[in-house]
N, C-alpha and C. Protein backbone atom coordinates (compact mmCIF):
# COMPACT_ATOMS: atom_id res chain seq x y z
N UNK A 1 85.07 88.50 124.13
CA UNK A 1 84.78 89.42 123.05
C UNK A 1 84.73 88.63 121.74
N UNK A 2 83.73 88.87 120.95
CA UNK A 2 83.61 88.11 119.70
C UNK A 2 84.57 88.66 118.64
N UNK A 3 84.81 87.84 117.62
CA UNK A 3 85.78 88.18 116.58
C UNK A 3 85.40 89.44 115.80
N UNK A 4 84.12 89.64 115.59
CA UNK A 4 83.66 90.83 114.86
C UNK A 4 84.01 92.10 115.64
N UNK A 5 83.81 92.07 116.95
CA UNK A 5 84.13 93.23 117.79
C UNK A 5 85.64 93.46 117.82
N UNK A 6 86.42 92.39 117.94
CA UNK A 6 87.89 92.53 117.93
C UNK A 6 88.36 93.17 116.63
N UNK A 7 87.85 92.65 115.52
CA UNK A 7 88.25 93.17 114.21
C UNK A 7 87.88 94.65 114.07
N UNK A 8 86.68 94.99 114.49
CA UNK A 8 86.23 96.38 114.42
C UNK A 8 87.15 97.29 115.25
N UNK A 9 87.44 96.89 116.48
CA UNK A 9 88.30 97.72 117.34
C UNK A 9 89.72 97.85 116.78
N UNK A 10 90.27 96.76 116.28
CA UNK A 10 91.62 96.82 115.70
C UNK A 10 91.65 97.74 114.48
N UNK A 11 90.65 97.64 113.62
CA UNK A 11 90.57 98.49 112.43
C UNK A 11 90.39 99.96 112.83
N UNK A 12 89.57 100.20 113.83
CA UNK A 12 89.33 101.57 114.29
C UNK A 12 90.60 102.20 114.84
N UNK A 13 91.32 101.48 115.67
CA UNK A 13 92.58 102.00 116.24
C UNK A 13 93.57 102.28 115.11
N UNK A 14 93.72 101.33 114.19
CA UNK A 14 94.67 101.51 113.08
C UNK A 14 94.30 102.73 112.24
N UNK A 15 93.04 102.86 111.89
CA UNK A 15 92.58 103.99 111.09
C UNK A 15 92.79 105.31 111.83
N UNK A 16 92.46 105.32 113.12
CA UNK A 16 92.62 106.55 113.90
C UNK A 16 94.09 107.00 113.95
N UNK A 17 95.01 106.07 114.16
CA UNK A 17 96.42 106.46 114.21
C UNK A 17 96.94 106.93 112.86
N UNK A 18 96.44 106.35 111.78
CA UNK A 18 96.81 106.85 110.46
C UNK A 18 96.32 108.29 110.29
N UNK A 19 95.09 108.54 110.75
CA UNK A 19 94.50 109.87 110.60
C UNK A 19 95.13 110.93 111.48
N UNK A 20 95.59 110.55 112.66
CA UNK A 20 96.13 111.56 113.59
C UNK A 20 97.66 111.59 113.63
N UNK A 21 98.30 110.84 112.76
CA UNK A 21 99.76 110.68 112.84
C UNK A 21 100.50 112.02 112.90
N UNK A 22 100.13 112.96 112.08
CA UNK A 22 100.88 114.22 112.03
C UNK A 22 100.62 115.07 113.27
N UNK A 23 99.40 115.07 113.76
CA UNK A 23 99.11 115.75 115.02
C UNK A 23 99.79 115.03 116.19
N UNK A 24 99.75 113.72 116.18
CA UNK A 24 100.41 112.91 117.21
C UNK A 24 101.90 113.26 117.26
N UNK A 25 102.51 113.34 116.09
CA UNK A 25 103.93 113.69 116.00
C UNK A 25 104.20 115.04 116.67
N UNK A 26 103.34 116.00 116.44
CA UNK A 26 103.53 117.32 117.04
C UNK A 26 103.43 117.29 118.56
N UNK A 27 102.54 116.46 119.08
CA UNK A 27 102.39 116.39 120.54
C UNK A 27 103.49 115.56 121.19
N UNK A 28 104.29 114.86 120.40
CA UNK A 28 105.37 114.03 120.96
C UNK A 28 106.74 114.68 120.74
N UNK A 29 106.76 115.99 120.62
CA UNK A 29 108.03 116.71 120.49
C UNK A 29 108.58 117.11 121.86
N UNK A 30 107.74 117.09 122.88
CA UNK A 30 108.19 117.43 124.23
C UNK A 30 108.87 116.20 124.84
N UNK A 31 109.65 116.39 125.89
CA UNK A 31 110.37 115.26 126.50
C UNK A 31 109.40 114.20 127.05
N UNK A 32 109.88 112.97 127.03
CA UNK A 32 109.09 111.88 127.62
C UNK A 32 109.09 112.03 129.13
N UNK A 33 108.20 111.34 129.79
CA UNK A 33 108.03 111.44 131.25
C UNK A 33 109.33 111.11 131.99
N UNK A 34 109.54 111.74 133.14
CA UNK A 34 110.76 111.50 133.93
C UNK A 34 110.99 110.03 134.26
N UNK A 35 109.92 109.26 134.47
CA UNK A 35 110.09 107.85 134.79
C UNK A 35 110.76 107.10 133.64
N UNK A 36 110.44 107.45 132.40
CA UNK A 36 111.07 106.83 131.23
C UNK A 36 112.57 107.12 131.26
N UNK A 37 112.93 108.35 131.54
CA UNK A 37 114.35 108.71 131.63
C UNK A 37 115.04 107.93 132.75
N UNK A 38 114.37 107.81 133.87
CA UNK A 38 114.95 107.10 135.02
C UNK A 38 115.19 105.63 134.69
N UNK A 39 114.24 105.00 134.02
CA UNK A 39 114.40 103.60 133.63
C UNK A 39 115.59 103.44 132.70
N UNK A 40 115.65 104.26 131.67
CA UNK A 40 116.71 104.14 130.68
C UNK A 40 118.08 104.45 131.28
N UNK A 41 118.13 105.45 132.13
CA UNK A 41 119.39 105.84 132.76
C UNK A 41 119.98 104.69 133.58
N UNK A 42 119.12 103.86 134.13
CA UNK A 42 119.58 102.79 135.02
C UNK A 42 119.72 101.42 134.34
N UNK A 43 119.64 101.39 133.02
CA UNK A 43 119.87 100.13 132.31
C UNK A 43 121.31 99.70 132.54
N UNK A 44 121.51 98.42 132.70
CA UNK A 44 122.86 97.92 132.92
C UNK A 44 123.14 96.78 131.94
N UNK A 45 123.24 97.13 130.67
CA UNK A 45 123.48 96.14 129.64
C UNK A 45 124.90 96.26 129.11
N UNK A 46 125.36 95.17 128.54
CA UNK A 46 126.68 95.15 127.91
C UNK A 46 126.64 95.97 126.61
N UNK A 47 127.77 96.52 126.18
CA UNK A 47 127.81 97.23 124.90
C UNK A 47 127.26 96.36 123.78
N UNK A 48 126.53 96.99 122.88
CA UNK A 48 125.95 96.29 121.74
C UNK A 48 124.61 95.63 122.04
N UNK A 49 124.00 95.96 123.19
CA UNK A 49 122.73 95.33 123.52
C UNK A 49 121.67 95.71 122.49
N UNK A 50 120.68 94.83 122.37
CA UNK A 50 119.66 94.94 121.33
C UNK A 50 118.32 95.36 121.92
N UNK A 51 117.72 96.40 121.30
CA UNK A 51 116.47 96.99 121.77
C UNK A 51 115.40 96.92 120.69
N UNK A 52 114.21 96.47 121.07
CA UNK A 52 113.04 96.55 120.21
C UNK A 52 112.06 97.52 120.85
N UNK A 53 111.63 98.51 120.10
CA UNK A 53 110.64 99.49 120.54
C UNK A 53 109.33 99.12 119.86
N UNK A 54 108.45 98.48 120.60
CA UNK A 54 107.20 97.94 120.08
C UNK A 54 106.11 99.01 120.20
N UNK A 55 105.65 99.49 119.03
CA UNK A 55 104.70 100.60 119.02
C UNK A 55 105.46 101.91 119.12
N UNK A 56 106.49 102.04 118.31
CA UNK A 56 107.45 103.15 118.42
C UNK A 56 106.88 104.50 118.03
N UNK A 57 105.71 104.53 117.38
CA UNK A 57 105.13 105.81 116.98
C UNK A 57 106.07 106.58 116.08
N UNK A 58 106.32 107.83 116.44
CA UNK A 58 107.18 108.69 115.62
C UNK A 58 108.66 108.57 115.98
N UNK A 59 109.01 107.59 116.80
CA UNK A 59 110.41 107.36 117.15
C UNK A 59 110.92 108.21 118.29
N UNK A 60 110.03 108.81 119.06
CA UNK A 60 110.46 109.76 120.10
C UNK A 60 111.22 109.11 121.26
N UNK A 61 111.19 107.78 121.35
CA UNK A 61 111.93 107.11 122.42
C UNK A 61 113.42 106.98 122.10
N UNK A 62 113.78 106.86 120.83
CA UNK A 62 115.18 106.68 120.45
C UNK A 62 116.09 107.79 120.97
N UNK A 63 115.72 109.06 120.88
CA UNK A 63 116.59 110.10 121.45
C UNK A 63 116.77 109.98 122.96
N UNK A 64 115.73 109.52 123.66
CA UNK A 64 115.85 109.32 125.11
C UNK A 64 116.87 108.23 125.38
N UNK A 65 116.74 107.13 124.67
CA UNK A 65 117.67 106.02 124.83
C UNK A 65 119.10 106.47 124.53
N UNK A 66 119.24 107.28 123.49
CA UNK A 66 120.56 107.76 123.08
C UNK A 66 121.20 108.73 124.07
N UNK A 67 120.39 109.37 124.90
CA UNK A 67 120.94 110.27 125.93
C UNK A 67 121.77 109.52 126.96
N UNK A 68 121.36 108.29 127.27
CA UNK A 68 121.94 107.57 128.39
C UNK A 68 122.74 106.33 127.98
N UNK A 69 122.50 105.84 126.78
CA UNK A 69 123.16 104.62 126.31
C UNK A 69 123.85 104.94 124.99
N UNK A 70 125.05 104.42 124.81
CA UNK A 70 125.81 104.80 123.60
C UNK A 70 125.98 103.66 122.61
N UNK A 71 126.16 102.45 123.05
CA UNK A 71 126.49 101.36 122.15
C UNK A 71 125.36 100.33 122.18
N UNK A 72 124.40 100.47 121.26
CA UNK A 72 123.25 99.56 121.23
C UNK A 72 122.69 99.48 119.82
N UNK A 73 121.97 98.40 119.58
CA UNK A 73 121.22 98.20 118.34
C UNK A 73 119.77 98.54 118.66
N UNK A 74 119.16 99.39 117.86
CA UNK A 74 117.77 99.81 118.08
C UNK A 74 116.94 99.46 116.85
N UNK A 75 115.72 98.98 117.10
CA UNK A 75 114.78 98.72 116.03
C UNK A 75 113.38 99.06 116.54
N UNK A 76 112.64 99.87 115.81
CA UNK A 76 111.29 100.26 116.20
C UNK A 76 110.27 99.78 115.20
N UNK A 77 109.13 99.29 115.71
CA UNK A 77 108.03 98.87 114.84
C UNK A 77 106.75 99.54 115.30
N UNK A 78 105.88 99.81 114.33
CA UNK A 78 104.58 100.42 114.64
C UNK A 78 103.59 100.03 113.55
N UNK A 79 102.31 100.00 113.91
CA UNK A 79 101.24 99.65 112.98
C UNK A 79 100.70 100.81 112.18
N UNK A 80 101.31 101.98 112.30
CA UNK A 80 100.89 103.13 111.52
C UNK A 80 101.98 103.47 110.50
N UNK A 81 101.65 103.34 109.23
CA UNK A 81 102.64 103.66 108.20
C UNK A 81 103.01 105.14 108.23
N UNK A 82 102.05 106.00 108.55
CA UNK A 82 102.35 107.43 108.63
C UNK A 82 103.33 107.73 109.77
N UNK A 83 103.12 107.08 110.92
CA UNK A 83 104.05 107.30 112.03
C UNK A 83 105.43 106.74 111.71
N UNK A 84 105.49 105.62 111.03
CA UNK A 84 106.79 105.05 110.64
C UNK A 84 107.52 106.00 109.70
N UNK A 85 106.81 106.59 108.76
CA UNK A 85 107.44 107.55 107.85
C UNK A 85 107.98 108.76 108.62
N UNK A 86 107.22 109.23 109.60
CA UNK A 86 107.68 110.34 110.43
C UNK A 86 108.90 109.93 111.27
N UNK A 87 108.88 108.71 111.79
CA UNK A 87 110.02 108.23 112.57
C UNK A 87 111.27 108.18 111.71
N UNK A 88 111.15 107.67 110.50
CA UNK A 88 112.30 107.60 109.59
C UNK A 88 112.80 109.00 109.25
N UNK A 89 111.86 109.92 109.01
CA UNK A 89 112.23 111.29 108.68
C UNK A 89 112.95 111.95 109.86
N UNK A 90 112.44 111.71 111.08
CA UNK A 90 113.00 112.36 112.27
C UNK A 90 114.26 111.69 112.81
N UNK A 91 114.34 110.35 112.70
CA UNK A 91 115.40 109.64 113.42
C UNK A 91 116.29 108.75 112.55
N UNK A 92 115.91 108.47 111.34
CA UNK A 92 116.73 107.57 110.50
C UNK A 92 115.99 106.29 110.17
N UNK A 93 116.69 105.38 109.57
CA UNK A 93 116.07 104.18 109.00
C UNK A 93 116.09 102.99 109.97
N UNK A 94 115.65 103.20 111.19
CA UNK A 94 115.66 102.15 112.22
C UNK A 94 114.26 101.60 112.46
N UNK A 95 113.35 101.83 111.55
CA UNK A 95 111.94 101.59 111.81
C UNK A 95 111.29 100.77 110.71
N UNK A 96 110.25 100.02 111.12
CA UNK A 96 109.54 99.18 110.17
C UNK A 96 108.05 99.21 110.49
N UNK A 97 107.24 99.26 109.45
CA UNK A 97 105.80 99.16 109.59
C UNK A 97 105.45 97.71 109.90
N UNK A 98 104.83 97.48 111.07
CA UNK A 98 104.45 96.14 111.48
C UNK A 98 103.39 96.23 112.56
N UNK A 99 102.29 95.54 112.36
CA UNK A 99 101.23 95.49 113.35
C UNK A 99 101.71 94.69 114.55
N UNK A 100 101.35 95.12 115.74
CA UNK A 100 101.76 94.44 116.97
C UNK A 100 101.31 92.97 116.98
N UNK A 101 100.22 92.66 116.29
CA UNK A 101 99.73 91.28 116.24
C UNK A 101 100.52 90.42 115.26
N UNK A 102 101.40 91.02 114.51
CA UNK A 102 102.24 90.30 113.55
C UNK A 102 103.70 90.23 114.00
N UNK A 103 103.93 90.43 115.26
CA UNK A 103 105.30 90.42 115.79
C UNK A 103 106.00 89.10 115.50
N UNK A 104 105.24 88.01 115.44
CA UNK A 104 105.84 86.70 115.15
C UNK A 104 106.43 86.64 113.74
N UNK A 105 106.04 87.57 112.86
CA UNK A 105 106.57 87.61 111.50
C UNK A 105 107.87 88.41 111.39
N UNK A 106 108.25 89.09 112.45
CA UNK A 106 109.48 89.87 112.47
C UNK A 106 110.67 88.92 112.51
N UNK A 107 111.58 89.07 111.55
CA UNK A 107 112.74 88.18 111.48
C UNK A 107 113.72 88.41 112.63
N UNK A 108 113.89 89.66 113.03
CA UNK A 108 114.81 89.98 114.09
C UNK A 108 114.35 89.32 115.40
N UNK A 109 115.33 88.91 116.19
CA UNK A 109 115.02 88.30 117.49
C UNK A 109 116.22 88.49 118.40
N UNK A 110 116.20 87.81 119.53
CA UNK A 110 117.31 87.87 120.49
C UNK A 110 117.54 89.28 121.00
N UNK A 111 116.45 89.96 121.33
CA UNK A 111 116.56 91.30 121.91
C UNK A 111 116.87 91.18 123.40
N UNK A 112 117.70 92.07 123.87
CA UNK A 112 118.00 92.13 125.30
C UNK A 112 116.87 92.79 126.07
N UNK A 113 116.22 93.74 125.41
CA UNK A 113 115.13 94.46 126.06
C UNK A 113 114.11 94.90 125.01
N UNK A 114 112.86 94.77 125.36
CA UNK A 114 111.77 95.24 124.51
C UNK A 114 110.99 96.27 125.32
N UNK A 115 110.82 97.43 124.73
CA UNK A 115 110.02 98.50 125.34
C UNK A 115 108.70 98.61 124.60
N UNK A 116 107.66 98.93 125.33
CA UNK A 116 106.35 99.18 124.73
C UNK A 116 105.65 100.23 125.59
N UNK A 117 105.73 101.48 125.13
CA UNK A 117 105.15 102.60 125.89
C UNK A 117 103.74 102.86 125.40
N UNK A 118 102.75 102.64 126.27
CA UNK A 118 101.34 102.99 126.00
C UNK A 118 100.80 102.35 124.72
N UNK A 119 100.98 101.03 124.59
CA UNK A 119 100.51 100.31 123.40
C UNK A 119 99.55 99.18 123.74
N UNK A 120 99.88 98.38 124.73
CA UNK A 120 99.13 97.14 124.99
C UNK A 120 97.64 97.37 125.27
N UNK A 121 97.30 98.53 125.79
CA UNK A 121 95.88 98.77 126.06
C UNK A 121 95.07 98.92 124.77
N UNK A 122 95.73 99.02 123.62
CA UNK A 122 95.04 99.09 122.33
C UNK A 122 94.68 97.70 121.79
N UNK A 123 95.20 96.66 122.43
CA UNK A 123 94.89 95.29 121.99
C UNK A 123 93.59 94.89 122.70
N UNK A 124 92.53 94.60 121.93
CA UNK A 124 91.18 94.60 122.49
C UNK A 124 90.69 93.36 123.24
N UNK A 125 91.45 92.31 123.35
CA UNK A 125 90.92 91.15 124.07
C UNK A 125 92.04 90.39 124.78
N UNK A 126 91.64 89.63 125.75
CA UNK A 126 92.60 88.87 126.54
C UNK A 126 93.40 87.91 125.66
N UNK A 127 92.74 87.20 124.76
CA UNK A 127 93.45 86.23 123.93
C UNK A 127 94.45 86.91 122.99
N UNK A 128 94.11 88.07 122.46
CA UNK A 128 95.05 88.79 121.60
C UNK A 128 96.21 89.37 122.41
N UNK A 129 95.93 89.86 123.61
CA UNK A 129 97.02 90.34 124.48
C UNK A 129 97.96 89.19 124.84
N UNK A 130 97.40 88.01 125.11
CA UNK A 130 98.24 86.85 125.41
C UNK A 130 99.12 86.49 124.22
N UNK A 131 98.56 86.58 123.01
CA UNK A 131 99.35 86.31 121.80
C UNK A 131 100.51 87.30 121.69
N UNK A 132 100.21 88.57 121.90
CA UNK A 132 101.26 89.59 121.83
C UNK A 132 102.36 89.29 122.85
N UNK A 133 101.96 88.99 124.07
CA UNK A 133 102.95 88.71 125.11
C UNK A 133 103.77 87.46 124.80
N UNK A 134 103.16 86.43 124.26
CA UNK A 134 103.91 85.24 123.85
C UNK A 134 104.93 85.60 122.77
N UNK A 135 104.50 86.41 121.81
CA UNK A 135 105.40 86.83 120.73
C UNK A 135 106.54 87.69 121.27
N UNK A 136 106.23 88.57 122.21
CA UNK A 136 107.26 89.41 122.82
C UNK A 136 108.32 88.53 123.48
N UNK A 137 107.89 87.59 124.29
CA UNK A 137 108.85 86.76 125.01
C UNK A 137 109.61 85.83 124.08
N UNK A 138 109.04 85.50 122.92
CA UNK A 138 109.76 84.70 121.94
C UNK A 138 110.87 85.51 121.26
N UNK A 139 110.74 86.82 121.27
CA UNK A 139 111.75 87.70 120.64
C UNK A 139 112.88 88.08 121.60
N UNK A 140 112.69 87.83 122.88
CA UNK A 140 113.70 88.18 123.88
C UNK A 140 114.75 87.09 124.03
N UNK A 141 115.98 87.49 124.31
CA UNK A 141 117.01 86.55 124.73
C UNK A 141 116.62 85.98 126.08
N UNK A 142 117.18 84.84 126.44
CA UNK A 142 117.00 84.34 127.80
C UNK A 142 117.50 85.40 128.77
N UNK A 143 116.69 85.71 129.75
CA UNK A 143 117.08 86.74 130.72
C UNK A 143 116.80 88.15 130.26
N UNK A 144 116.20 88.31 129.07
CA UNK A 144 115.88 89.64 128.57
C UNK A 144 114.75 90.27 129.36
N UNK A 145 114.56 91.57 129.15
CA UNK A 145 113.55 92.33 129.87
C UNK A 145 112.47 92.86 128.94
N UNK A 146 111.26 92.88 129.43
CA UNK A 146 110.15 93.52 128.74
C UNK A 146 109.66 94.64 129.64
N UNK A 147 109.79 95.88 129.17
CA UNK A 147 109.37 97.05 129.93
C UNK A 147 108.20 97.67 129.18
N UNK A 148 107.08 97.83 129.87
CA UNK A 148 105.91 98.37 129.19
C UNK A 148 105.12 99.27 130.14
N UNK A 149 104.32 100.11 129.52
CA UNK A 149 103.38 100.94 130.28
C UNK A 149 102.04 100.88 129.56
N UNK A 150 100.98 101.13 130.29
CA UNK A 150 99.64 101.23 129.71
C UNK A 150 98.97 102.46 130.32
N UNK A 151 97.97 102.93 129.65
CA UNK A 151 97.23 104.07 130.16
C UNK A 151 96.50 103.69 131.43
N UNK A 152 96.40 104.62 132.30
CA UNK A 152 95.56 104.46 133.49
C UNK A 152 94.45 105.50 133.35
N UNK A 153 93.60 105.27 132.38
CA UNK A 153 92.59 106.25 132.01
C UNK A 153 91.65 106.57 133.15
N UNK A 154 91.30 105.59 133.93
CA UNK A 154 90.30 105.83 134.95
C UNK A 154 90.90 105.93 136.34
N UNK A 155 91.95 106.73 136.47
CA UNK A 155 92.47 107.07 137.78
C UNK A 155 91.45 107.99 138.45
N UNK A 156 91.62 108.26 139.70
CA UNK A 156 90.66 109.11 140.42
C UNK A 156 90.54 110.48 139.75
N UNK A 157 91.68 111.05 139.35
CA UNK A 157 91.64 112.37 138.71
C UNK A 157 90.89 112.29 137.37
N UNK A 158 91.13 111.23 136.62
CA UNK A 158 90.47 111.08 135.32
C UNK A 158 88.97 110.85 135.50
N UNK A 159 88.60 110.07 136.51
CA UNK A 159 87.17 109.84 136.74
C UNK A 159 86.45 111.14 136.99
N UNK A 160 87.08 112.03 137.76
CA UNK A 160 86.46 113.34 138.01
C UNK A 160 86.36 114.15 136.72
N UNK A 161 87.41 114.07 135.92
CA UNK A 161 87.45 114.85 134.68
C UNK A 161 86.37 114.38 133.69
N UNK A 162 86.16 113.06 133.62
CA UNK A 162 85.25 112.53 132.62
C UNK A 162 83.86 112.21 133.17
N UNK A 163 83.61 112.46 134.43
CA UNK A 163 82.28 112.16 134.97
C UNK A 163 81.31 113.27 134.56
N UNK A 164 80.08 112.90 134.40
CA UNK A 164 79.07 113.85 133.94
C UNK A 164 78.09 114.15 135.06
């Protein structure tokens, strides 16, 4: 993918999330998927473990984490300033505006676990995804975990829904 296409796609995604932030927030008031709860419930970290929520959106993951874990440091970052403002309003001051491609500029490091729910598919090229993954692993402690999900837009059910 050429640089012009990458830049266009990154700008489009950023602009779209700024524009839909308040509607996005409304659709993220329902509970997260059961698999997310199952993953968090089964974490086995020492008290005080450190969590980075990469692409935290409106902060809807923090309450899930708080249901099952009590003693942890949480920090969420997102590339939408509107979503970060909503996260701060809803959950407190645990959030920072930061583009996923600028993770290397984040001073915090030594995370025990980094979560990224439905974010990586927004990174438009293999080389940029590799950069993000390198930055993620640079922020983890030795032996830390990276837990992520991506959309499966073209599952069999989705193909039927979107076929013409």
